[in-house]
Protein backbone atom coordinates (compact mmCIF):
# COMPACT_ATOMS: atom_id res chain seq x y z
CA MET A 1 -8.54 7.64 -2.19
CA TYR A 2 -8.82 8.70 1.67
CA PRO A 3 -10.09 6.11 4.27
CA SER A 4 -13.49 7.15 5.37
CA PRO A 5 -14.24 7.59 9.33
CA PHE A 6 -17.86 7.54 8.94
CA ARG A 7 -17.66 3.96 7.68
CA LYS A 8 -20.13 1.68 9.34
CA THR A 9 -21.04 -1.85 8.39
CA ALA A 10 -24.68 -3.02 8.70
CA SER A 11 -23.89 -5.58 11.32
CA SER A 12 -22.61 -2.70 13.50
CA ILE A 13 -25.77 -0.78 13.22
CA ASN A 14 -29.06 -1.62 14.83
CA PRO A 15 -32.29 -0.43 12.96
CA SER A 16 -33.84 1.52 16.31
CA SER A 17 -30.38 3.39 16.86
CA ILE A 18 -29.70 4.10 13.14
CA PRO A 19 -29.66 7.79 13.26
CA ARG A 20 -27.66 7.54 16.33
CA GLU A 21 -25.09 5.77 14.91
CA VAL A 22 -25.23 7.54 11.38
CA PHE A 23 -24.21 10.70 12.75
CA ALA A 24 -22.04 10.24 15.37
CA ASP A 25 -18.95 10.48 13.57
CA ALA A 26 -20.29 13.04 11.31
CA LEU A 27 -21.57 15.49 14.50
CA THR A 28 -17.58 14.91 15.94
CA GLU A 29 -16.22 15.85 12.23
CA ARG A 30 -18.74 18.99 12.26
CA ALA A 31 -19.61 17.61 9.18
CA ALA A 32 -22.40 19.63 7.13
CA GLY A 33 -23.50 16.96 5.27
CA ILE A 34 -23.30 13.20 4.61
CA VAL A 35 -24.04 10.36 1.98
CA ILE A 36 -25.07 7.24 3.04
CA ALA A 37 -24.60 3.81 0.86
CA HIS A 38 -25.59 0.36 1.10
CA ASN A 39 -25.61 -2.63 -1.15
CA HIS A 40 -28.49 -5.13 -1.88
CA ALA A 41 -27.09 -8.35 -2.29
CA SER A 42 -30.39 -9.69 -4.14
CA GLY A 43 -29.47 -7.40 -7.33
CA GLN A 44 -32.42 -5.52 -6.81
CA CYS A 45 -31.41 -1.92 -7.46
CA PHE A 46 -34.50 -0.20 -6.60
CA PRO A 47 -35.59 0.86 -3.05
CA ARG A 48 -37.36 -1.04 -0.53
CA ALA A 49 -40.03 0.26 1.70
CA GLN A 50 -37.28 -0.01 4.81
CA ASP A 51 -35.24 1.66 2.82
CA ARG A 52 -37.33 4.80 2.02
CA ARG A 53 -38.59 4.64 5.90
CA VAL A 54 -34.67 4.89 7.13
CA THR A 55 -34.05 7.70 4.51
CA GLU A 56 -36.91 9.50 6.01
CA ARG A 57 -35.84 9.15 9.14
CA LEU A 58 -32.32 9.95 8.83
CA ALA A 59 -33.37 13.31 6.68
CA GLU A 60 -35.72 14.34 9.54
CA ALA A 61 -32.36 13.46 12.55
CA GLY A 62 -30.20 15.62 10.11
CA HIS A 63 -32.63 18.42 9.75
CA LEU A 64 -32.46 18.64 13.70
CA LEU A 65 -28.90 18.28 13.83
CA GLY A 66 -27.99 20.69 11.14
CA ILE A 67 -26.38 17.86 8.96
CA GLU A 68 -27.68 17.51 5.62
CA LEU A 69 -28.40 14.13 3.84
CA LEU A 70 -27.19 14.74 0.66
CA ASP A 71 -28.14 11.35 -0.82
CA HIS A 72 -28.53 7.77 0.08
CA VAL A 73 -27.68 5.31 -2.74
CA ILE A 74 -28.16 1.83 -3.19
CA LEU A 75 -25.60 -0.51 -4.94
CA THR A 76 -25.58 -3.41 -7.05
CA ARG A 77 -23.73 -5.49 -9.12
CA ASP A 78 -25.12 -3.96 -12.23
CA GLY A 79 -25.69 -0.71 -11.02
CA GLN A 80 -26.91 1.84 -8.41
CA TYR A 81 -29.98 3.98 -7.24
CA SER A 82 -29.59 7.38 -5.89
CA PHE A 83 -32.60 8.96 -3.83
CA SER A 84 -31.22 12.52 -4.95
CA ASP A 85 -31.27 11.73 -8.47
CA SER A 86 -34.90 10.12 -8.41
CA ILE A 87 -38.49 10.90 -7.85
CA ILE A 88 -38.30 10.14 -4.41
CA ARG A 89 -36.66 13.10 -2.89
CA ILE A 90 -35.15 13.52 0.38
CA GLN A 91 -37.13 16.27 2.25
């Protein structure tokens, strides 16, 4: 397993600067696409309204930057939710 140069923590990302923080390393590394993931400690595997808004915002930013948002995955102790595998598609 390789260490990820793109790893960010929730405490290091301010919601108003999410696209800037998420794409900073991807731009530096000239990435063509990214996958983002976060956990729901509550165990609720389905996306919240904020998760949908952030996903849409990141997809729009990625489109402008030429870096595709390939997936947004929500992880819980009992499972995971993938936006790319769901009805809620990444635009």
